[in-house]
């Protein structure tokens, strides 16, 4: 009896140990890691970088566009590559939702990267991961910080026009500080992360339709700056809506801390930008970044890693798309 009891307990230990191992394996497969492709696609980084380098050398603005594409992907149902799915006769994706329509760009560059990566290691690297790497490479090429990109995301088999279109999901240029803080917090990003990530507006351009209201109606705007912007953005809606202006008027293609210096001088292009320095809780952080570019770049890199962790599909969820614009 004693021996059967001991064999039962030893069997139980084996079963419990096995169950724990299975659980651990399951949880580790759900984690992103910086060396995810080290064996399955060791050339992924060099392949992505060469295409991004070529695209940014042809058009500096493309660096900002690729970075923004990653933001807009992660903010809707997580970093799952859903923003890359093209509309079809039976499906409406995220690209024509209000915050994205005629605004997000760079899809052709992601397609080029995917094609090159498929040549090197077919069916291995997700479009969601390509977006994450391209965002980092774009930042570095324009003078910003580098970081170790965590990988292992899989691609969504669907996209949500309604989620992308829902007010506040992707913060609008007219957002108040309260809305910005709450939206980032809903995704697990702190107020500090939000102010650091907003510094991505040190590169890129915005359309007149995004800053018209601020230029003509806000009181916390430098008058000569407002006048300059009005020159390319007529007051009448529909007139010049797509005319572009740099988000950072000083160095629009350099990833630096001038964005924060502009805010101190009431020269934030978007209402949501100037909200970060308008007598509220984030003023001191803006002042700090305006004086300390090193702190800004370090905090930006840390916040980008955190943003890349928003609800990724891992393990057996989703798929590895063959082409980024459509499901397999």
C-alpha atoms as a PDB file:
ATOM      1  CA  UNK A   1       0.000   0.000   0.000  1.00  0.00           C
ATOM      2  CA  UNK A   2       2.830   2.329   0.907  1.00  0.00           C
ATOM      3  CA  UNK A   3       4.605   1.657  -2.400  1.00  0.00           C
ATOM      4  CA  UNK A   4       1.436   2.292  -4.455  1.00  0.00           C
ATOM      5  CA  UNK A   5       0.905   5.496  -2.512  1.00  0.00           C
ATOM      6  CA  UNK A   6       4.448   6.663  -3.186  1.00  0.00           C
ATOM      7  CA  UNK A   7       4.182   5.751  -6.883  1.00  0.00           C
ATOM      8  CA  UNK A   8       0.922   7.700  -7.060  1.00  0.00           C
ATOM      9  CA  UNK A   9       2.513  10.750  -5.450  1.00  0.00           C
ATOM     10  CA  UNK A  10       5.561  10.532  -7.729  1.00  0.00           C
ATOM     11  CA  UNK A  11       3.210  10.248 -10.745  1.00  0.00           C
ATOM     12  CA  UNK A  12       1.353  13.281  -9.470  1.00  0.00           C
ATOM     13  CA  UNK A  13       4.612  15.222  -9.212  1.00  0.00           C
ATOM     14  CA  UNK A  14       5.473  14.270 -12.794  1.00  0.00           C
ATOM     15  CA  UNK A  15       2.026  15.378 -14.022  1.00  0.00           C
ATOM     16  CA  UNK A  16       2.154  18.668 -12.083  1.00  0.00           C
ATOM     17  CA  UNK A  17       5.717  19.349 -13.276  1.00  0.00           C
ATOM     18  CA  UNK A  18       4.683  18.668 -16.861  1.00  0.00           C
ATOM     19  CA  UNK A  19       1.655  20.963 -16.499  1.00  0.00           C
ATOM     20  CA  UNK A  20       3.857  23.753 -15.109  1.00  0.00           C
ATOM     21  CA  UNK A  21       6.303  23.297 -18.002  1.00  0.00           C
ATOM     22  CA  UNK A  22       3.453  23.502 -20.526  1.00  0.00           C
ATOM     23  CA  UNK A  23       2.200  26.679 -18.872  1.00  0.00           C
ATOM     24  CA  UNK A  24       5.667  28.196 -18.889  1.00  0.00           C
ATOM     25  CA  UNK A  25       6.159  27.278 -22.534  1.00  0.00           C
ATOM     26  CA  UNK A  26       2.783  28.803 -23.364  1.00  0.00           C
ATOM     27  CA  UNK A  27       3.573  32.042 -21.578  1.00  0.00           C
ATOM     28  CA  UNK A  28       7.062  32.308 -23.063  1.00  0.00           C
ATOM     29  CA  UNK A  29       5.670  31.810 -26.579  1.00  0.00           C
ATOM     30  CA  UNK A  30       3.319  34.718 -25.898  1.00  0.00           C
ATOM     31  CA  UNK A  31       6.249  37.021 -25.072  1.00  0.00           C
ATOM     32  CA  UNK A  32       7.979  39.169 -27.628  1.00  0.00           C
ATOM     33  CA  UNK A  33      11.764  38.950 -27.699  1.00  0.00           C
ATOM     34  CA  UNK A  34      14.602  40.861 -29.326  1.00  0.00           C
ATOM     35  CA  UNK A  35      16.169  37.671 -30.753  1.00  0.00           C
ATOM     36  CA  UNK A  36      12.948  36.127 -32.102  1.00  0.00           C
ATOM     37  CA  UNK A  37      14.298  35.741 -35.653  1.00  0.00           C
ATOM     38  CA  UNK A  38      17.954  35.089 -34.774  1.00  0.00           C
ATOM     39  CA  UNK A  39      17.755  31.554 -36.193  1.00  0.00           C
ATOM     40  CA  UNK A  40      14.739  31.684 -38.519  1.00  0.00           C
ATOM     41  CA  UNK A  41      15.640  34.952 -40.326  1.00  0.00           C
ATOM     42  CA  UNK A  42      19.009  36.361 -39.223  1.00  0.00           C
ATOM     43  CA  UNK A  43      19.082  38.862 -42.111  1.00  0.00           C
ATOM     44  CA  UNK A  44      15.771  40.507 -41.257  1.00  0.00           C
ATOM     45  CA  UNK A  45      17.291  43.656 -39.731  1.00  0.00           C
ATOM     46  CA  UNK A  46      19.728  44.376 -42.553  1.00  0.00           C
ATOM     47  CA  UNK A  47      17.024  43.687 -45.138  1.00  0.00           C
ATOM     48  CA  UNK A  48      14.516  46.081 -43.557  1.00  0.00           C
ATOM     49  CA  UNK A  49      17.159  48.746 -42.981  1.00  0.00           C
ATOM     50  CA  UNK A  50      18.346  48.811 -46.605  1.00  0.00           C
ATOM     51  CA  UNK A  51      14.826  49.474 -47.938  1.00  0.00           C
ATOM     52  CA  UNK A  52      14.045  52.093 -45.277  1.00  0.00           C
ATOM     53  CA  UNK A  53      17.395  53.783 -45.953  1.00  0.00           C
ATOM     54  CA  UNK A  54      16.657  53.972 -49.659  1.00  0.00           C
ATOM     55  CA  UNK A  55      13.112  55.336 -49.110  1.00  0.00           C
ATOM     56  CA  UNK A  56      14.196  57.984 -46.585  1.00  0.00           C
ATOM     57  CA  UNK A  57      17.127  59.112 -48.723  1.00  0.00           C
ATOM     58  CA  UNK A  58      14.652  59.754 -51.560  1.00  0.00           C
ATOM     59  CA  UNK A  59      12.170  61.556 -49.286  1.00  0.00           C
ATOM     60  CA  UNK A  60      13.028  62.526 -45.702  1.00  0.00           C
ATOM     61  CA  UNK A  61       9.333  62.825 -44.816  1.00  0.00           C
ATOM     62  CA  UNK A  62       8.937  59.075 -45.366  1.00  0.00           C
ATOM     63  CA  UNK A  63      10.780  58.461 -42.071  1.00  0.00           C
ATOM     64  CA  UNK A  64       8.056  60.288 -40.170  1.00  0.00           C
ATOM     65  CA  UNK A  65       5.357  58.510 -42.188  1.00  0.00           C
ATOM     66  CA  UNK A  66       6.677  55.024 -41.348  1.00  0.00           C
ATOM     67  CA  UNK A  67       6.938  55.933 -37.667  1.00  0.00           C
ATOM     68  CA  UNK A  68       3.367  57.256 -37.716  1.00  0.00           C
ATOM     69  CA  UNK A  69       2.114  54.111 -39.448  1.00  0.00           C
ATOM     70  CA  UNK A  70       3.339  52.069 -36.464  1.00  0.00           C
ATOM     71  CA  UNK A  71       1.574  54.432 -34.009  1.00  0.00           C
ATOM     72  CA  UNK A  72      -1.711  54.212 -35.889  1.00  0.00           C
ATOM     73  CA  UNK A  73      -1.464  50.431 -36.104  1.00  0.00           C
ATOM     74  CA  UNK A  74      -0.771  49.927 -32.390  1.00  0.00           C
ATOM     75  CA  UNK A  75      -3.518  52.305 -31.229  1.00  0.00           C
ATOM     76  CA  UNK A  76      -6.270  50.256 -32.911  1.00  0.00           C
ATOM     77  CA  UNK A  77      -6.580  46.722 -31.514  1.00  0.00           C
ATOM     78  CA  UNK A  78      -2.855  46.520 -30.788  1.00  0.00           C
ATOM     79  CA  UNK A  79       0.301  46.168 -32.900  1.00  0.00           C
ATOM     80  CA  UNK A  80      -1.077  43.568 -35.301  1.00  0.00           C
ATOM     81  CA  UNK A  81      -0.472  44.962 -38.795  1.00  0.00           C
ATOM     82  CA  UNK A  82      -4.217  45.535 -39.265  1.00  0.00           C
ATOM     83  CA  UNK A  83      -3.702  49.053 -40.668  1.00  0.00           C
ATOM     84  CA  UNK A  84      -1.892  47.524 -43.657  1.00  0.00           C
ATOM     85  CA  UNK A  85      -4.924  45.579 -44.925  1.00  0.00           C
ATOM     86  CA  UNK A  86      -6.377  47.100 -48.093  1.00  0.00           C
ATOM     87  CA  UNK A  87     -10.122  47.454 -48.611  1.00  0.00           C
ATOM     88  CA  UNK A  88     -11.816  44.872 -50.834  1.00  0.00           C
ATOM     89  CA  UNK A  89     -15.327  44.632 -52.288  1.00  0.00           C
ATOM     90  CA  UNK A  90     -16.409  42.683 -49.187  1.00  0.00           C
ATOM     91  CA  UNK A  91     -14.181  44.250 -46.521  1.00  0.00           C
ATOM     92  CA  UNK A  92     -13.513  47.742 -45.195  1.00  0.00           C
ATOM     93  CA  UNK A  93     -10.291  48.138 -43.253  1.00  0.00           C
ATOM     94  CA  UNK A  94      -8.747  50.960 -41.239  1.00  0.00           C
ATOM     95  CA  UNK A  95      -7.097  52.969 -44.007  1.00  0.00           C
ATOM     96  CA  UNK A  96     -10.165  55.057 -44.879  1.00  0.00           C
ATOM     97  CA  UNK A  97     -11.163  55.771 -41.255  1.00  0.00           C
ATOM     98  CA  UNK A  98     -11.151  59.483 -40.344  1.00  0.00           C
ATOM     99  CA  UNK A  99      -7.705  59.662 -38.656  1.00  0.00           C
ATOM    100  CA  UNK A 100      -6.064  57.699 -41.502  1.00  0.00           C
ATOM    101  CA  UNK A 101      -7.846  58.723 -44.706  1.00  0.00           C
ATOM    102  CA  UNK A 102      -5.598  60.707 -47.100  1.00  0.00           C
ATOM    103  CA  UNK A 103      -3.190  60.955 -44.189  1.00  0.00           C
ATOM    104  CA  UNK A 104      -1.292  57.764 -43.333  1.00  0.00           C
ATOM    105  CA  UNK A 105       1.199  56.787 -46.001  1.00  0.00           C
ATOM    106  CA  UNK A 106       4.222  54.594 -46.616  1.00  0.00           C
ATOM    107  CA  UNK A 107       2.305  51.413 -47.478  1.00  0.00           C
ATOM    108  CA  UNK A 108       4.348  51.014 -50.662  1.00  0.00           C
ATOM    109  CA  UNK A 109       7.594  51.042 -48.642  1.00  0.00           C
ATOM    110  CA  UNK A 110       6.265  48.369 -46.263  1.00  0.00           C
ATOM    111  CA  UNK A 111       5.283  46.295 -49.330  1.00  0.00           C
ATOM    112  CA  UNK A 112       8.809  46.665 -50.725  1.00  0.00           C
ATOM    113  CA  UNK A 113      10.324  45.588 -47.401  1.00  0.00           C
ATOM    114  CA  UNK A 114       7.990  42.596 -47.179  1.00  0.00           C
ATOM    115  CA  UNK A 115       8.926  41.506 -50.705  1.00  0.00           C
ATOM    116  CA  UNK A 116      12.662  41.648 -49.894  1.00  0.00           C
ATOM    117  CA  UNK A 117      12.182  39.857 -46.560  1.00  0.00           C
ATOM    118  CA  UNK A 118      10.157  37.136 -48.298  1.00  0.00           C
ATOM    119  CA  UNK A 119      13.086  36.619 -50.689  1.00  0.00           C
ATOM    120  CA  UNK A 120      15.421  36.093 -47.737  1.00  0.00           C
ATOM    121  CA  UNK A 121      13.153  33.964 -45.522  1.00  0.00           C
ATOM    122  CA  UNK A 122       9.694  33.224 -46.952  1.00  0.00           C
ATOM    123  CA  UNK A 123       6.718  32.938 -44.624  1.00  0.00           C
ATOM    124  CA  UNK A 124       8.662  33.785 -41.458  1.00  0.00           C
ATOM    125  CA  UNK A 125       8.484  37.506 -40.621  1.00  0.00           C
ATOM    126  CA  UNK A 126       5.152  39.212 -39.938  1.00  0.00           C
ATOM    127  CA  UNK A 127       4.111  42.555 -41.409  1.00  0.00           C
ATOM    128  CA  UNK A 128       3.440  43.749 -37.839  1.00  0.00           C
ATOM    129  CA  UNK A 129       7.098  43.134 -36.963  1.00  0.00           C
ATOM    130  CA  UNK A 130       8.278  44.787 -40.172  1.00  0.00           C
ATOM    131  CA  UNK A 131       6.346  47.920 -39.126  1.00  0.00           C
ATOM    132  CA  UNK A 132       8.039  47.869 -35.710  1.00  0.00           C
ATOM    133  CA  UNK A 133      11.542  47.555 -37.193  1.00  0.00           C
ATOM    134  CA  UNK A 134      10.881  50.174 -39.889  1.00  0.00           C
ATOM    135  CA  UNK A 135       9.693  52.665 -37.236  1.00  0.00           C
ATOM    136  CA  UNK A 136      12.944  52.227 -35.298  1.00  0.00           C
ATOM    137  CA  UNK A 137      15.142  52.451 -38.417  1.00  0.00           C
ATOM    138  CA  UNK A 138      13.325  55.599 -39.598  1.00  0.00           C
ATOM    139  CA  UNK A 139      13.892  57.268 -36.228  1.00  0.00           C
ATOM    140  CA  UNK A 140      17.609  56.437 -36.268  1.00  0.00           C
ATOM    141  CA  UNK A 141      18.106  57.578 -39.867  1.00  0.00           C
ATOM    142  CA  UNK A 142      16.690  61.015 -38.991  1.00  0.00           C
ATOM    143  CA  UNK A 143      19.016  61.399 -35.990  1.00  0.00           C
ATOM    144  CA  UNK A 144      16.869  59.873 -33.262  1.00  0.00           C
ATOM    145  CA  UNK A 145      17.651  57.167 -30.705  1.00  0.00           C
ATOM    146  CA  UNK A 146      17.928  53.458 -31.371  1.00  0.00           C
ATOM    147  CA  UNK A 147      16.414  50.645 -29.304  1.00  0.00           C
ATOM    148  CA  UNK A 148      16.259  46.861 -29.371  1.00  0.00           C
ATOM    149  CA  UNK A 149      12.989  46.048 -31.130  1.00  0.00           C
ATOM    150  CA  UNK A 150      11.026  43.231 -29.522  1.00  0.00           C
ATOM    151  CA  UNK A 151       9.638  40.835 -32.126  1.00  0.00           C
ATOM    152  CA  UNK A 152       7.363  37.836 -32.472  1.00  0.00           C
ATOM    153  CA  UNK A 153       4.091  39.549 -33.399  1.00  0.00           C
ATOM    154  CA  UNK A 154       1.779  37.845 -35.846  1.00  0.00           C
ATOM    155  CA  UNK A 155      -0.540  39.519 -38.333  1.00  0.00           C
ATOM    156  CA  UNK A 156      -4.227  40.072 -37.766  1.00  0.00           C
ATOM    157  CA  UNK A 157      -6.608  38.374 -40.191  1.00  0.00           C
ATOM    158  CA  UNK A 158      -8.960  41.329 -39.957  1.00  0.00           C
ATOM    159  CA  UNK A 159      -9.094  45.088 -39.344  1.00  0.00           C
ATOM    160  CA  UNK A 160     -11.659  47.384 -37.783  1.00  0.00           C
ATOM    161  CA  UNK A 161     -12.861  50.476 -39.617  1.00  0.00           C
ATOM    162  CA  UNK A 162     -15.255  51.235 -36.737  1.00  0.00           C
ATOM    163  CA  UNK A 163     -12.527  50.991 -34.061  1.00  0.00           C
ATOM    164  CA  UNK A 164     -10.148  53.188 -36.071  1.00  0.00           C
ATOM    165  CA  UNK A 165     -12.973  55.667 -36.646  1.00  0.00           C
ATOM    166  CA  UNK A 166     -14.153  55.791 -33.036  1.00  0.00           C
ATOM    167  CA  UNK A 167     -13.598  59.234 -31.547  1.00  0.00           C
ATOM    168  CA  UNK A 168     -10.536  59.316 -29.302  1.00  0.00           C
ATOM    169  CA  UNK A 169      -9.120  55.898 -30.189  1.00  0.00           C
ATOM    170  CA  UNK A 170      -6.457  57.580 -32.301  1.00  0.00           C
ATOM    171  CA  UNK A 171      -6.127  60.965 -30.546  1.00  0.00           C
ATOM    172  CA  UNK A 172      -7.191  63.805 -32.831  1.00  0.00           C
ATOM    173  CA  UNK A 173      -5.266  67.068 -33.411  1.00  0.00           C
ATOM    174  CA  UNK A 174      -7.959  68.859 -31.391  1.00  0.00           C
ATOM    175  CA  UNK A 175      -7.515  66.642 -28.294  1.00  0.00           C
ATOM    176  CA  UNK A 176      -7.310  68.214 -24.854  1.00  0.00           C
ATOM    177  CA  UNK A 177      -4.584  67.205 -22.386  1.00  0.00           C
ATOM    178  CA  UNK A 178      -7.139  65.220 -20.371  1.00  0.00           C
ATOM    179  CA  UNK A 179      -8.155  63.200 -23.439  1.00  0.00           C
ATOM    180  CA  UNK A 180      -4.522  62.576 -24.414  1.00  0.00           C
ATOM    181  CA  UNK A 181      -3.621  61.333 -20.935  1.00  0.00           C
ATOM    182  CA  UNK A 182      -6.669  59.065 -20.656  1.00  0.00           C
ATOM    183  CA  UNK A 183      -6.256  57.583 -24.135  1.00  0.00           C
ATOM    184  CA  UNK A 184      -2.615  56.692 -23.584  1.00  0.00           C
ATOM    185  CA  UNK A 185      -3.398  55.325 -20.118  1.00  0.00           C
ATOM    186  CA  UNK A 186      -6.082  53.074 -21.616  1.00  0.00           C
ATOM    187  CA  UNK A 187      -3.280  51.420 -23.603  1.00  0.00           C
ATOM    188  CA  UNK A 188      -0.952  51.045 -20.629  1.00  0.00           C
ATOM    189  CA  UNK A 189       1.140  54.117 -21.465  1.00  0.00           C
ATOM    190  CA  UNK A 190       1.842  56.691 -18.756  1.00  0.00           C
ATOM    191  CA  UNK A 191       1.599  60.469 -19.039  1.00  0.00           C
ATOM    192  CA  UNK A 192       5.398  60.536 -19.208  1.00  0.00           C
ATOM    193  CA  UNK A 193       5.281  58.063 -22.127  1.00  0.00           C
ATOM    194  CA  UNK A 194       2.676  60.225 -23.847  1.00  0.00           C
ATOM    195  CA  UNK A 195       4.779  63.402 -23.632  1.00  0.00           C
ATOM    196  CA  UNK A 196       7.878  61.522 -24.845  1.00  0.00           C
ATOM    197  CA  UNK A 197       6.032  59.858 -27.746  1.00  0.00           C
ATOM    198  CA  UNK A 198       4.502  63.200 -28.755  1.00  0.00           C
ATOM    199  CA  UNK A 199       8.079  64.251 -29.468  1.00  0.00           C
ATOM    200  CA  UNK A 200       7.818  62.218 -32.672  1.00  0.00           C
ATOM    201  CA  UNK A 201       6.211  65.419 -33.976  1.00  0.00           C
ATOM    202  CA  UNK A 202       9.733  66.780 -34.210  1.00  0.00           C
ATOM    203  CA  UNK A 203       9.622  65.252 -37.725  1.00  0.00           C
ATOM    204  CA  UNK A 204       6.983  65.130 -40.415  1.00  0.00           C
ATOM    205  CA  UNK A 205       4.220  67.366 -41.677  1.00  0.00           C
ATOM    206  CA  UNK A 206       0.534  67.912 -41.043  1.00  0.00           C
ATOM    207  CA  UNK A 207      -2.299  68.868 -43.360  1.00  0.00           C
ATOM    208  CA  UNK A 208      -4.059  72.228 -43.150  1.00  0.00           C
ATOM    209  CA  UNK A 209      -7.276  70.474 -42.093  1.00  0.00           C
ATOM    210  CA  UNK A 210      -5.433  69.356 -38.908  1.00  0.00           C
ATOM    211  CA  UNK A 211      -4.205  72.790 -37.833  1.00  0.00           C
ATOM    212  CA  UNK A 212      -6.674  75.281 -39.393  1.00  0.00           C
ATOM    213  CA  UNK A 213      -8.765  75.575 -36.236  1.00  0.00           C
ATOM    214  CA  UNK A 214      -5.730  76.252 -34.038  1.00  0.00           C
ATOM    215  CA  UNK A 215      -4.276  78.788 -36.438  1.00  0.00           C
ATOM    216  CA  UNK A 216      -7.418  80.924 -36.541  1.00  0.00           C
ATOM    217  CA  UNK A 217      -9.080  80.286 -33.182  1.00  0.00           C
ATOM    218  CA  UNK A 218      -6.558  79.423 -30.446  1.00  0.00           C
ATOM    219  CA  UNK A 219      -5.302  82.222 -28.209  1.00  0.00           C
ATOM    220  CA  UNK A 220      -2.178  80.380 -26.965  1.00  0.00           C
ATOM    221  CA  UNK A 221      -0.362  80.710 -30.290  1.00  0.00           C
ATOM    222  CA  UNK A 222       2.460  83.037 -31.307  1.00  0.00           C
ATOM    223  CA  UNK A 223       0.865  85.640 -33.585  1.00  0.00           C
ATOM    224  CA  UNK A 224       3.585  85.705 -36.265  1.00  0.00           C
ATOM    225  CA  UNK A 225       3.645  81.897 -36.315  1.00  0.00           C
ATOM    226  CA  UNK A 226      -0.144  81.850 -36.746  1.00  0.00           C
ATOM    227  CA  UNK A 227       0.101  84.341 -39.608  1.00  0.00           C
ATOM    228  CA  UNK A 228       2.737  82.247 -41.389  1.00  0.00           C
ATOM    229  CA  UNK A 229       0.587  79.127 -41.138  1.00  0.00           C
ATOM    230  CA  UNK A 230      -2.524  80.969 -42.310  1.00  0.00           C
ATOM    231  CA  UNK A 231      -0.623  81.809 -45.500  1.00  0.00           C
ATOM    232  CA  UNK A 232      -0.835  78.182 -46.634  1.00  0.00           C
ATOM    233  CA  UNK A 233      -4.096  77.316 -44.904  1.00  0.00           C
ATOM    234  CA  UNK A 234      -7.097  79.485 -45.853  1.00  0.00           C
ATOM    235  CA  UNK A 235      -9.842  79.928 -43.261  1.00  0.00           C
ATOM    236  CA  UNK A 236     -12.542  78.425 -45.495  1.00  0.00           C
ATOM    237  CA  UNK A 237     -12.986  74.677 -44.940  1.00  0.00           C
ATOM    238  CA  UNK A 238     -12.363  72.725 -48.131  1.00  0.00           C
ATOM    239  CA  UNK A 239      -9.895  75.316 -49.383  1.00  0.00           C
ATOM    240  CA  UNK A 240      -6.313  74.037 -49.224  1.00  0.00           C
ATOM    241  CA  UNK A 241      -7.240  71.206 -46.836  1.00  0.00           C
ATOM    242  CA  UNK A 242      -4.308  69.083 -47.954  1.00  0.00           C
ATOM    243  CA  UNK A 243      -1.672  71.820 -47.933  1.00  0.00           C
ATOM    244  CA  UNK A 244       1.199  70.721 -45.714  1.00  0.00           C
ATOM    245  CA  UNK A 245       3.153  72.451 -42.950  1.00  0.00           C
ATOM    246  CA  UNK A 246       6.054  71.088 -40.867  1.00  0.00           C
ATOM    247  CA  UNK A 247       5.172  69.944 -37.346  1.00  0.00           C
ATOM    248  CA  UNK A 248       8.518  71.390 -36.225  1.00  0.00           C
ATOM    249  CA  UNK A 249       9.187  74.602 -38.127  1.00  0.00           C
ATOM    250  CA  UNK A 250      12.899  74.686 -37.196  1.00  0.00           C
ATOM    251  CA  UNK A 251      14.239  71.243 -38.174  1.00  0.00           C
ATOM    252  CA  UNK A 252      11.357  69.300 -39.779  1.00  0.00           C
ATOM    253  CA  UNK A 253      13.512  66.383 -40.954  1.00  0.00           C
ATOM    254  CA  UNK A 254      15.792  66.046 -37.904  1.00  0.00           C
ATOM    255  CA  UNK A 255      14.797  64.005 -34.875  1.00  0.00           C
ATOM    256  CA  UNK A 256      15.746  66.438 -32.097  1.00  0.00           C
ATOM    257  CA  UNK A 257      14.149  68.249 -29.157  1.00  0.00           C
ATOM    258  CA  UNK A 258      13.120  71.420 -31.033  1.00  0.00           C
ATOM    259  CA  UNK A 259       9.498  70.246 -30.852  1.00  0.00           C
ATOM    260  CA  UNK A 260       9.538  71.013 -27.109  1.00  0.00           C
ATOM    261  CA  UNK A 261      11.336  74.337 -27.579  1.00  0.00           C
ATOM    262  CA  UNK A 262       8.586  75.327 -30.017  1.00  0.00           C
ATOM    263  CA  UNK A 263       5.932  74.561 -27.395  1.00  0.00           C
ATOM    264  CA  UNK A 264       7.644  76.909 -24.908  1.00  0.00           C
ATOM    265  CA  UNK A 265       7.276  79.641 -27.546  1.00  0.00           C
ATOM    266  CA  UNK A 266       3.624  78.791 -28.311  1.00  0.00           C
ATOM    267  CA  UNK A 267       4.605  77.481 -31.737  1.00  0.00           C
ATOM    268  CA  UNK A 268       3.086  74.004 -31.530  1.00  0.00           C
ATOM    269  CA  UNK A 269       1.385  73.371 -34.877  1.00  0.00           C
ATOM    270  CA  UNK A 270      -1.483  71.249 -33.571  1.00  0.00           C
ATOM    271  CA  UNK A 271      -3.844  72.151 -30.748  1.00  0.00           C
ATOM    272  CA  UNK A 272      -3.000  68.772 -29.156  1.00  0.00           C
ATOM    273  CA  UNK A 273       0.724  69.634 -29.286  1.00  0.00           C
ATOM    274  CA  UNK A 274       0.337  72.945 -27.476  1.00  0.00           C
ATOM    275  CA  UNK A 275      -1.877  71.275 -24.850  1.00  0.00           C
ATOM    276  CA  UNK A 276       1.302  69.675 -23.470  1.00  0.00           C
ATOM    277  CA  UNK A 277       2.530  73.148 -22.512  1.00  0.00           C
ATOM    278  CA  UNK A 278      -0.462  75.188 -21.514  1.00  0.00           C
ATOM    279  CA  UNK A 279      -0.388  75.574 -17.745  1.00  0.00           C
ATOM    280  CA  UNK A 280      -1.114  71.899 -17.081  1.00  0.00           C
ATOM    281  CA  UNK A 281       0.499  68.883 -15.422  1.00  0.00           C
ATOM    282  CA  UNK A 282       2.900  68.178 -18.301  1.00  0.00           C
ATOM    283  CA  UNK A 283       4.539  71.630 -18.467  1.00  0.00           C
ATOM    284  CA  UNK A 284       7.551  70.609 -16.372  1.00  0.00           C
ATOM    285  CA  UNK A 285       8.279  67.565 -18.526  1.00  0.00           C
ATOM    286  CA  UNK A 286       8.153  69.677 -21.697  1.00  0.00           C
ATOM    287  CA  UNK A 287      10.565  72.172 -20.087  1.00  0.00           C
ATOM    288  CA  UNK A 288      12.866  69.319 -19.086  1.00  0.00           C
ATOM    289  CA  UNK A 289      12.978  67.830 -22.600  1.00  0.00           C
ATOM    290  CA  UNK A 290      13.555  71.284 -24.133  1.00  0.00           C
ATOM    291  CA  UNK A 291      16.775  71.537 -22.089  1.00  0.00           C
ATOM    292  CA  UNK A 292      17.820  67.891 -22.079  1.00  0.00           C
ATOM    293  CA  UNK A 293      17.721  66.157 -25.497  1.00  0.00           C
ATOM    294  CA  UNK A 294      19.448  63.097 -24.030  1.00  0.00           C
ATOM    295  CA  UNK A 295      16.617  62.508 -21.542  1.00  0.00           C
ATOM    296  CA  UNK A 296      14.023  62.962 -24.286  1.00  0.00           C
ATOM    297  CA  UNK A 297      15.667  60.443 -26.601  1.00  0.00           C
ATOM    298  CA  UNK A 298      16.139  57.905 -23.823  1.00  0.00           C
ATOM    299  CA  UNK A 299      12.509  58.227 -22.672  1.00  0.00           C
ATOM    300  CA  UNK A 300      11.264  58.114 -26.273  1.00  0.00           C
ATOM    301  CA  UNK A 301      13.072  54.823 -26.925  1.00  0.00           C
ATOM    302  CA  UNK A 302      11.693  53.292 -23.708  1.00  0.00           C
ATOM    303  CA  UNK A 303       8.158  54.448 -24.574  1.00  0.00           C
ATOM    304  CA  UNK A 304       8.415  53.021 -28.109  1.00  0.00           C
ATOM    305  CA  UNK A 305       9.295  49.613 -26.663  1.00  0.00           C
ATOM    306  CA  UNK A 306       6.263  49.864 -24.361  1.00  0.00           C
ATOM    307  CA  UNK A 307       3.988  50.912 -27.216  1.00  0.00           C
ATOM    308  CA  UNK A 308       5.183  47.938 -29.259  1.00  0.00           C
ATOM    309  CA  UNK A 309       3.918  45.687 -26.467  1.00  0.00           C
ATOM    310  CA  UNK A 310       0.273  46.740 -26.925  1.00  0.00           C
ATOM    311  CA  UNK A 311      -1.846  43.584 -27.429  1.00  0.00           C
ATOM    312  CA  UNK A 312       0.350  41.719 -29.930  1.00  0.00           C
ATOM    313  CA  UNK A 313      -0.908  38.522 -31.523  1.00  0.00           C
ATOM    314  CA  UNK A 314       1.538  35.733 -30.683  1.00  0.00           C
ATOM    315  CA  UNK A 315       1.831  31.959 -30.671  1.00  0.00           C
ATOM    316  CA  UNK A 316      -0.847  30.442 -32.892  1.00  0.00           C
ATOM    317  CA  UNK A 317      -3.008  33.586 -33.136  1.00  0.00           C
ATOM    318  CA  UNK A 318      -3.242  35.456 -36.421  1.00  0.00           C
ATOM    319  CA  UNK A 319      -0.962  34.513 -39.294  1.00  0.00           C
ATOM    320  CA  UNK A 320       2.197  35.500 -41.173  1.00  0.00           C
ATOM    321  CA  UNK A 321       0.833  37.312 -44.216  1.00  0.00           C
ATOM    322  CA  UNK A 322       2.513  36.670 -47.560  1.00  0.00           C
ATOM    323  CA  UNK A 323       1.541  40.173 -48.695  1.00  0.00           C
ATOM    324  CA  UNK A 324       0.936  42.915 -46.151  1.00  0.00           C
ATOM    325  CA  UNK A 325      -2.138  44.319 -47.912  1.00  0.00           C
ATOM    326  CA  UNK A 326      -4.229  41.157 -47.790  1.00  0.00           C
ATOM    327  CA  UNK A 327      -4.859  38.078 -45.666  1.00  0.00           C
ATOM    328  CA  UNK A 328      -3.509  34.761 -46.925  1.00  0.00           C
END
